[in-house]
Protein backbone atom coordinates (compact mmCIF):
# COMPACT_ATOMS: atom_id res chain seq x y z
CA UNK A 1 30.26 9.81 -88.34
CA UNK A 2 27.83 9.09 -85.50
CA UNK A 3 24.32 7.82 -86.12
CA UNK A 4 21.57 9.23 -83.99
CA UNK A 5 19.44 6.50 -82.42
CA UNK A 6 15.74 6.87 -81.80
CA UNK A 7 14.67 5.57 -78.42
CA UNK A 8 11.16 4.20 -78.00
CA UNK A 9 9.55 3.02 -74.83
CA UNK A 10 8.49 -0.59 -75.17
CA UNK A 11 5.49 -2.32 -73.70
CA UNK A 12 5.82 -5.10 -71.17
CA UNK A 13 5.54 -7.60 -74.06
CA UNK A 14 8.72 -7.79 -76.14
CA UNK A 15 7.03 -10.16 -78.61
CA UNK A 16 4.36 -7.54 -79.34
CA UNK A 17 7.00 -4.82 -79.64
CA UNK A 18 8.79 -6.91 -82.27
CA UNK A 19 5.57 -7.67 -84.17
CA UNK A 20 5.70 -11.43 -83.52
CA UNK A 21 2.42 -13.21 -84.36
CA UNK A 22 0.75 -14.72 -81.28
CA UNK A 23 2.65 -12.32 -79.05
CA UNK A 24 0.24 -12.54 -76.10
CA UNK A 25 0.47 -16.34 -75.95
CA UNK A 26 4.25 -16.31 -76.34
CA UNK A 27 4.54 -13.70 -73.59
CA UNK A 28 2.37 -15.69 -71.17
CA UNK A 29 4.29 -18.90 -71.90
CA UNK A 30 7.57 -17.07 -71.26
CA UNK A 31 6.28 -15.74 -67.94
CA UNK A 32 5.14 -19.21 -66.85
CA UNK A 33 8.46 -20.75 -67.92
CA UNK A 34 10.35 -18.05 -66.01
CA UNK A 35 8.42 -18.99 -62.88
CA UNK A 36 9.30 -22.67 -63.36
CA UNK A 37 12.97 -21.70 -63.63
CA UNK A 38 12.72 -19.50 -60.50
CA UNK A 39 11.29 -22.47 -58.57
CA UNK A 40 13.96 -24.87 -59.82
CA UNK A 41 16.69 -22.39 -58.88
CA UNK A 42 15.27 -21.45 -55.47
CA UNK A 43 14.72 -25.10 -54.50
CA UNK A 44 18.01 -26.15 -56.11
CA UNK A 45 16.15 -28.81 -58.12
CA UNK A 46 17.94 -30.57 -60.95
CA UNK A 47 15.87 -31.39 -64.01
CA UNK A 48 15.85 -35.04 -62.86
CA UNK A 49 14.58 -34.13 -59.38
CA UNK A 50 11.94 -31.84 -60.86
CA UNK A 51 10.83 -34.69 -63.12
CA UNK A 52 10.50 -37.02 -60.13
CA UNK A 53 8.52 -34.41 -58.19
CA UNK A 54 6.11 -33.51 -61.00
CA UNK A 55 5.77 -36.61 -63.15
CA UNK A 56 6.91 -34.72 -66.24
CA UNK A 57 9.91 -35.81 -68.28
CA UNK A 58 13.30 -34.35 -67.35
CA UNK A 59 13.70 -33.24 -70.98
CA UNK A 60 10.70 -30.93 -70.49
CA UNK A 61 12.59 -29.06 -67.78
CA UNK A 62 15.67 -28.85 -69.97
CA UNK A 63 13.54 -27.34 -72.75
CA UNK A 64 12.04 -24.83 -70.33
CA UNK A 65 15.50 -23.84 -69.08
CA UNK A 66 16.59 -23.33 -72.71
CA UNK A 67 13.46 -21.28 -73.53
CA UNK A 68 12.44 -23.89 -76.11
CA UNK A 69 8.73 -23.47 -75.48
CA UNK A 70 7.30 -24.47 -78.88
CA UNK A 71 6.16 -27.87 -77.57
CA UNK A 72 4.42 -26.42 -74.53
CA UNK A 73 0.87 -25.24 -74.22
CA UNK A 74 -0.19 -22.79 -71.54
CA UNK A 75 -2.17 -25.48 -69.74
CA UNK A 76 0.84 -27.81 -69.70
CA UNK A 77 3.02 -25.11 -68.14
CA UNK A 78 0.29 -24.38 -65.59
CA UNK A 79 0.09 -28.08 -64.73
CA UNK A 80 3.86 -28.21 -64.24
CA UNK A 81 3.63 -25.22 -61.90
CA UNK A 82 0.72 -26.82 -60.02
CA UNK A 83 2.83 -29.95 -59.57
CA UNK A 84 5.59 -27.70 -58.17
CA UNK A 85 3.03 -26.49 -55.58
CA UNK A 86 2.21 -23.19 -57.25
CA UNK A 87 -1.26 -21.76 -57.82
CA UNK A 88 -1.77 -19.67 -60.96
CA UNK A 89 -4.16 -16.74 -61.15
CA UNK A 90 -4.90 -15.01 -64.44
CA UNK A 91 -6.41 -11.55 -64.71
CA UNK A 92 -8.46 -10.67 -67.76
CA UNK A 93 -8.96 -7.01 -68.61
CA UNK A 94 -10.69 -5.20 -71.42
CA UNK A 95 -8.46 -3.43 -73.93
CA UNK A 96 -8.78 0.32 -74.08
CA UNK A 97 -10.19 1.70 -77.32
CA UNK A 98 -7.76 3.50 -79.56
């Protein structure tokens, strides 16, 4: 017997799609962490080298690589990216009425 699956188009925020509280913050933190990982990979930086370059602890970079973002605030992730020579721009838009 085959079950019929219902397919729904998701938003760009998986946390919101799953009904996770604080989904917008979690999504932004995940995006910032993904950029940190992209930089580490593209520059072939170990967590130790990244720590030397940014002044943050090497364990912070290990946590970011493991998506353990509970200890990070958005401003801390932005500061890490700034120390990796990245400029962050945020765009704020008004939500459409339902």
